[in-house]
C-alpha atoms as a PDB file:
ATOM      1  CA  MET A   1     -12.539  13.195   1.321  1.00  0.00           C
ATOM      2  CA  ILE A   2     -11.789   9.976  -0.092  1.00  0.00           C
ATOM      3  CA  ASN A   3     -13.487   9.212  -3.173  1.00  0.00           C
ATOM      4  CA  PRO A   4     -15.324   6.134  -2.925  1.00  0.00           C
ATOM      5  CA  VAL A   5     -15.858   5.199  -5.994  1.00  0.00           C
ATOM      6  CA  LEU A   6     -11.599   5.935  -7.159  1.00  0.00           C
ATOM      7  CA  TRP A   7     -11.049   3.975  -4.756  1.00  0.00           C
ATOM      8  CA  ILE A   8     -12.681   0.870  -6.057  1.00  0.00           C
ATOM      9  CA  LYS A   9     -11.247   1.558  -9.516  1.00  0.00           C
ATOM     10  CA  HIS A  10      -7.793   1.505  -7.936  1.00  0.00           C
ATOM     11  CA  PHE A  11      -8.658  -1.950  -6.334  1.00  0.00           C
ATOM     12  CA  VAL A  12      -9.807  -3.647  -9.317  1.00  0.00           C
ATOM     13  CA  PHE A  13      -6.948  -2.437 -11.041  1.00  0.00           C
ATOM     14  CA  LEU A  14      -4.736  -3.290  -8.346  1.00  0.00           C
ATOM     15  CA  VAL A  15      -6.410  -6.841  -8.362  1.00  0.00           C
ATOM     16  CA  SER A  16      -6.017  -7.603 -11.926  1.00  0.00           C
ATOM     17  CA  MET A  17      -2.262  -6.161 -12.078  1.00  0.00           C
ATOM     18  CA  LEU A  18      -1.746  -8.518  -8.867  1.00  0.00           C
ATOM     19  CA  LEU A  19      -2.440 -11.222 -10.560  1.00  0.00           C
ATOM     20  CA  LEU A  20       0.291 -10.583 -13.347  1.00  0.00           C
ATOM     21  CA  ALA A  21       2.906 -10.319 -10.681  1.00  0.00           C
ATOM     22  CA  GLY A  22       6.270 -11.404  -9.641  1.00  0.00           C
ATOM     23  CA  CYS A  23       8.139 -14.800 -10.473  1.00  0.00           C
ATOM     24  CA  PRO A  24      10.165 -16.661  -7.686  1.00  0.00           C
ATOM     25  CA  THR A  25      13.675 -17.607  -8.967  1.00  0.00           C
ATOM     26  CA  THR A  26      15.496 -20.670  -7.427  1.00  0.00           C
ATOM     27  CA  ASP A  27      17.375 -18.762  -4.740  1.00  0.00           C
ATOM     28  CA  GLY A  28      14.713 -17.837  -3.377  1.00  0.00           C
ATOM     29  CA  THR A  29      14.460 -13.930  -4.992  1.00  0.00           C
ATOM     30  CA  VAL A  30      11.415 -12.637  -6.424  1.00  0.00           C
ATOM     31  CA  ARG A  31      12.988 -10.607  -9.666  1.00  0.00           C
ATOM     32  CA  ALA A  32      10.315  -8.357 -11.948  1.00  0.00           C
ATOM     33  CA  THR A  33      10.508  -6.384 -14.871  1.00  0.00           C
ATOM     34  CA  VAL A  34       9.727  -2.421 -14.312  1.00  0.00           C
ATOM     35  CA  ASN A  35       9.792   0.777 -16.018  1.00  0.00           C
ATOM     36  CA  THR A  36      11.853   3.060 -13.054  1.00  0.00           C
ATOM     37  CA  ALA A  37      10.431   6.331 -14.761  1.00  0.00           C
ATOM     38  CA  MET A  38       7.072   5.285 -14.221  1.00  0.00           C
ATOM     39  CA  LEU A  39       8.291   3.961 -10.312  1.00  0.00           C
ATOM     40  CA  GLY A  40       9.924   7.695  -9.877  1.00  0.00           C
ATOM     41  CA  ALA A  41       7.405   9.748 -10.417  1.00  0.00           C
ATOM     42  CA  ALA A  42       4.658   7.244  -8.486  1.00  0.00           C
ATOM     43  CA  VAL A  43       7.036   7.483  -5.171  1.00  0.00           C
ATOM     44  CA  LEU A  44       7.320  11.055  -5.443  1.00  0.00           C
ATOM     45  CA  GLU A  45       3.959  11.509  -5.426  1.00  0.00           C
ATOM     46  CA  PHE A  46       3.612   8.956  -2.456  1.00  0.00           C
ATOM     47  CA  GLU A  47       6.278  10.799  -0.592  1.00  0.00           C
ATOM     48  CA  THR A  48       4.005  14.762  -0.665  1.00  0.00           C
ATOM     49  CA  SER A  49       0.856  12.627  -0.183  1.00  0.00           C
ATOM     50  CA  TYR A  50       2.214  10.726   2.938  1.00  0.00           C
ATOM     51  CA  LEU A  51       3.850  13.999   4.375  1.00  0.00           C
ATOM     52  CA  HIS A  52       1.103  16.012   4.174  1.00  0.00           C
ATOM     53  CA  THR A  53      -0.975  13.193   5.145  1.00  0.00           C
ATOM     54  CA  SER A  54       0.689  12.078   8.742  1.00  0.00           C
ATOM     55  CA  ALA A  55       0.650  15.585   9.631  1.00  0.00           C
ATOM     56  CA  GLN A  56      -3.255  15.243  10.242  1.00  0.00           C
ATOM     57  CA  ILE A  57      -3.557  11.601  11.373  1.00  0.00           C
ATOM     58  CA  ASP A  58      -2.205  12.851  14.604  1.00  0.00           C
ATOM     59  CA  ARG A  59      -5.339  15.122  15.166  1.00  0.00           C
ATOM     60  CA  TYR A  60      -7.158  11.933  15.829  1.00  0.00           C
ATOM     61  CA  ARG A  61      -4.791  10.277  18.716  1.00  0.00           C
ATOM     62  CA  GLN A  62      -7.312  11.747  21.314  1.00  0.00           C
ATOM     63  CA  ALA A  63      -9.517   9.463  20.208  1.00  0.00           C
ATOM     64  CA  PHE A  64      -7.462   5.900  20.823  1.00  0.00           C
ATOM     65  CA  SER A  65      -5.305   4.598  23.099  1.00  0.00           C
ATOM     66  CA  ASP A  66      -1.877   3.919  23.298  1.00  0.00           C
ATOM     67  CA  GLU A  67      -2.627   0.273  22.635  1.00  0.00           C
ATOM     68  CA  GLU A  68      -4.917   0.857  19.035  1.00  0.00           C
ATOM     69  CA  TRP A  69      -2.716   4.230  18.878  1.00  0.00           C
ATOM     70  CA  GLN A  70       0.126   1.913  18.512  1.00  0.00           C
ATOM     71  CA  VAL A  71      -1.797  -0.033  15.592  1.00  0.00           C
ATOM     72  CA  ILE A  72      -2.078   3.084  13.354  1.00  0.00           C
ATOM     73  CA  ASN A  73       1.564   3.757  13.273  1.00  0.00           C
ATOM     74  CA  ASN A  74       1.833   0.517  12.429  1.00  0.00           C
ATOM     75  CA  VAL A  75       0.020   1.314   9.172  1.00  0.00           C
ATOM     76  CA  ARG A  76       2.399   4.259   9.276  1.00  0.00           C
ATOM     77  CA  GLN A  77       5.256   1.660   9.658  1.00  0.00           C
ATOM     78  CA  ASP A  78       4.283   0.098   6.536  1.00  0.00           C
ATOM     79  CA  ALA A  79       3.410   2.694   4.529  1.00  0.00           C
ATOM     80  CA  ARG A  80       7.376   3.804   4.773  1.00  0.00           C
ATOM     81  CA  ARG A  81       8.887   0.221   4.694  1.00  0.00           C
ATOM     82  CA  VAL A  82       6.499  -0.046   0.857  1.00  0.00           C
ATOM     83  CA  HIS A  83       8.214   2.568  -0.102  1.00  0.00           C
ATOM     84  CA  ASN A  84      11.275   2.413   0.733  1.00  0.00           C
ATOM     85  CA  ALA A  85      11.431  -1.501  -1.023  1.00  0.00           C
ATOM     86  CA  VAL A  86       9.874   0.940  -4.061  1.00  0.00           C
ATOM     87  CA  LYS A  87      12.718   3.571  -3.367  1.00  0.00           C
ATOM     88  CA  ASN A  88      15.017   0.185  -3.055  1.00  0.00           C
ATOM     89  CA  ILE A  89      14.090  -0.870  -6.711  1.00  0.00           C
ATOM     90  CA  LEU A  90      14.769   2.515  -8.486  1.00  0.00           C
ATOM     91  CA  ALA A  91      18.344   2.299  -6.925  1.00  0.00           C
ATOM     92  CA  LEU A  92      19.201  -0.957  -9.458  1.00  0.00           C
ATOM     93  CA  ASP A  93      18.340   1.131 -12.359  1.00  0.00           C
ATOM     94  CA  ASP A  94      20.690   1.205 -14.692  1.00  0.00           C
ATOM     95  CA  GLY A  95      20.408   4.252 -16.770  1.00  0.00           C
ATOM     96  CA  THR A  96      18.131   2.810 -18.816  1.00  0.00           C
ATOM     97  CA  GLY A  97      14.473   3.311 -17.335  1.00  0.00           C
ATOM     98  CA  GLY A  98      13.903  -0.210 -17.244  1.00  0.00           C
ATOM     99  CA  ALA A  99      15.456  -3.205 -14.987  1.00  0.00           C
ATOM    100  CA  VAL A 100      14.660  -6.554 -14.113  1.00  0.00           C
ATOM    101  CA  VAL A 101      15.384  -6.414 -10.060  1.00  0.00           C
ATOM    102  CA  ASP A 102      14.578  -7.904  -7.350  1.00  0.00           C
ATOM    103  CA  ILE A 103      11.150  -7.187  -5.519  1.00  0.00           C
ATOM    104  CA  SER A 104      11.385  -9.673  -2.650  1.00  0.00           C
ATOM    105  CA  GLU A 105      11.743  -6.771   0.177  1.00  0.00           C
ATOM    106  CA  PHE A 106       8.344  -5.281  -1.908  1.00  0.00           C
ATOM    107  CA  ILE A 107       6.648  -8.642  -1.083  1.00  0.00           C
ATOM    108  CA  HIS A 108       7.436  -9.070   2.398  1.00  0.00           C
ATOM    109  CA  SER A 109       6.369  -5.291   3.004  1.00  0.00           C
ATOM    110  CA  LEU A 110       3.147  -6.413   1.211  1.00  0.00           C
ATOM    111  CA  GLU A 111       3.063  -8.497   3.360  1.00  0.00           C
ATOM    112  CA  SER A 112       3.170  -7.063   6.413  1.00  0.00           C
ATOM    113  CA  VAL A 113       0.890  -4.217   4.982  1.00  0.00           C
ATOM    114  CA  ARG A 114      -1.765  -6.673   4.429  1.00  0.00           C
ATOM    115  CA  TYR A 115      -1.786  -7.681   8.014  1.00  0.00           C
ATOM    116  CA  HIS A 116      -1.762  -4.605   9.673  1.00  0.00           C
ATOM    117  CA  TYR A 117      -4.266  -3.160   7.867  1.00  0.00           C
ATOM    118  CA  ARG A 118      -6.767  -5.890   8.959  1.00  0.00           C
ATOM    119  CA  GLN A 119      -5.668  -4.883  12.443  1.00  0.00           C
ATOM    120  CA  ALA A 120      -6.058  -1.415  11.927  1.00  0.00           C
ATOM    121  CA  TYR A 121      -9.735  -2.149   9.664  1.00  0.00           C
ATOM    122  CA  LEU A 122     -11.018  -4.272  13.216  1.00  0.00           C
ATOM    123  CA  LEU A 123      -9.775  -0.981  14.940  1.00  0.00           C
ATOM    124  CA  LEU A 124     -11.397   1.584  12.848  1.00  0.00           C
ATOM    125  CA  GLU A 125     -14.687  -1.464  12.840  1.00  0.00           C
ATOM    126  CA  ARG A 126     -14.680  -1.154  16.363  1.00  0.00           C
ATOM    127  CA  LYS A 127     -14.443   3.178  16.462  1.00  0.00           C
ATOM    128  CA  VAL A 128     -16.932   3.658  14.217  1.00  0.00           C
ATOM    129  CA  PRO A 129     -19.449   5.484  16.445  1.00  0.00           C
ATOM    130  CA  TYR A 130     -16.780   7.860  17.595  1.00  0.00           C
ATOM    131  CA  LEU A 131     -15.326   8.491  14.483  1.00  0.00           C
ATOM    132  CA  GLU A 132     -16.069  11.538  12.550  1.00  0.00           C
ATOM    133  CA  PRO A 133     -18.791  11.050   9.502  1.00  0.00           C
ATOM    134  CA  ALA A 134     -16.392  10.842   6.687  1.00  0.00           C
ATOM    135  CA  LEU A 135     -14.316   8.782   8.685  1.00  0.00           C
ATOM    136  CA  ALA A 136     -16.888   5.994   9.341  1.00  0.00           C
ATOM    137  CA  GLN A 137     -18.293   6.144   5.610  1.00  0.00           C
ATOM    138  CA  SER A 138     -14.619   4.787   4.265  1.00  0.00           C
ATOM    139  CA  LEU A 139     -14.818   2.420   6.587  1.00  0.00           C
ATOM    140  CA  VAL A 140     -16.377  -0.151   3.709  1.00  0.00           C
ATOM    141  CA  THR A 141     -13.833   1.129   1.684  1.00  0.00           C
ATOM    142  CA  PHE A 142     -10.843   0.755   3.658  1.00  0.00           C
ATOM    143  CA  HIS A 143     -12.233  -3.292   3.964  1.00  0.00           C
ATOM    144  CA  ARG A 144     -12.449  -3.468   0.652  1.00  0.00           C
ATOM    145  CA  ALA A 145      -8.743  -2.545   0.272  1.00  0.00           C
ATOM    146  CA  THR A 146      -7.488  -5.202   3.204  1.00  0.00           C
ATOM    147  CA  ARG A 147      -9.522  -7.759   1.423  1.00  0.00           C
ATOM    148  CA  THR A 148      -7.923  -7.259  -2.091  1.00  0.00           C
ATOM    149  CA  LEU A 149      -4.519  -6.702  -0.817  1.00  0.00           C
ATOM    150  CA  ASP A 150      -5.296 -10.550   0.869  1.00  0.00           C
ATOM    151  CA  THR A 151      -6.673 -12.159  -1.930  1.00  0.00           C
ATOM    152  CA  ALA A 152      -3.439 -10.242  -4.102  1.00  0.00           C
ATOM    153  CA  TYR A 153      -0.364 -11.461  -2.256  1.00  0.00           C
ATOM    154  CA  ARG A 154      -1.802 -15.455  -2.453  1.00  0.00           C
ATOM    155  CA  ARG A 155      -1.150 -14.681  -6.046  1.00  0.00           C
ATOM    156  CA  LEU A 156       2.260 -12.732  -5.898  1.00  0.00           C
ATOM    157  CA  SER A 157       4.558 -16.244  -7.448  1.00  0.00           C
ATOM    158  CA  GLU A 158       2.161 -16.364 -11.157  1.00  0.00           C
ATOM    159  CA  PRO A 159       4.253 -15.415 -13.918  1.00  0.00           C
ATOM    160  CA  HIS A 160       4.425 -11.684 -15.061  1.00  0.00           C
ATOM    161  CA  ARG A 161       5.558  -9.660 -17.545  1.00  0.00           C
ATOM    162  CA  ASP A 162       6.033  -6.113 -16.431  1.00  0.00           C
ATOM    163  CA  ASN A 163       5.487  -5.268 -12.518  1.00  0.00           C
ATOM    164  CA  THR A 164       5.345  -1.274 -13.015  1.00  0.00           C
ATOM    165  CA  GLU A 165       1.917  -0.851 -12.722  1.00  0.00           C
ATOM    166  CA  LEU A 166       1.261  -3.356  -9.811  1.00  0.00           C
ATOM    167  CA  ILE A 167       4.227  -1.705  -7.470  1.00  0.00           C
ATOM    168  CA  VAL A 168       2.727   1.977  -8.804  1.00  0.00           C
ATOM    169  CA  GLN A 169      -1.006   0.468  -7.735  1.00  0.00           C
ATOM    170  CA  THR A 170       0.271  -0.770  -3.757  1.00  0.00           C
ATOM    171  CA  LEU A 171       2.171   2.767  -3.936  1.00  0.00           C
ATOM    172  CA  HIS A 172      -1.687   4.195  -4.487  1.00  0.00           C
ATOM    173  CA  VAL A 173      -3.424   1.683  -2.401  1.00  0.00           C
ATOM    174  CA  VAL A 174      -0.874   1.850   0.644  1.00  0.00           C
ATOM    175  CA  GLY A 175      -1.518   5.294   0.432  1.00  0.00           C
ATOM    176  CA  ALA A 176      -4.827   5.921   0.514  1.00  0.00           C
ATOM    177  CA  GLY A 177      -5.059   3.705   3.132  1.00  0.00           C
ATOM    178  CA  ILE A 178      -3.032   6.122   5.347  1.00  0.00           C
ATOM    179  CA  ARG A 179      -4.859   8.938   3.674  1.00  0.00           C
ATOM    180  CA  LEU A 180      -8.092   7.231   5.284  1.00  0.00           C
ATOM    181  CA  PHE A 181      -6.601   9.235   8.849  1.00  0.00           C
ATOM    182  CA  GLY A 182      -6.500  12.371   7.133  1.00  0.00           C
ATOM    183  CA  VAL A 183     -10.158  12.704   5.414  1.00  0.00           C
END
């Protein structure tokens, strides 16, 4: 079961880190400094969690219509998109463990996450009477996550120093959203 206190802690931290996010350049890309060693560890953790949880999600299939199930699959696909964007950042490592990289793809994937998480929240809200108690109790936290991503996304163009923590925490938030279906 997901610990709501831990979720709230992660979201408060995410908001503070997103306030320090990427800086747009004149060519439309967003450059950021990242610690690739730290990102690598977060990616491995996400992959393990995602694979385990993705298998559990399927047990809820019969509780949803085909259209509703597509919303859930969109969230899963977004999680992979964010994961791939972070892996692409890691591929730019120059061997020093740190790099100034283009995080535009990451920001675009975050935009998609915001949209589909909002859809998933609305879907779950309608399904509360039919959900397992643990999943229904997590809905409030999921709603906070959606609102946090919305607020944070609007601030991505503000000046920054190091976006490593931001990206790591976003992976945690996206992973937590996926785990919501696997409680």
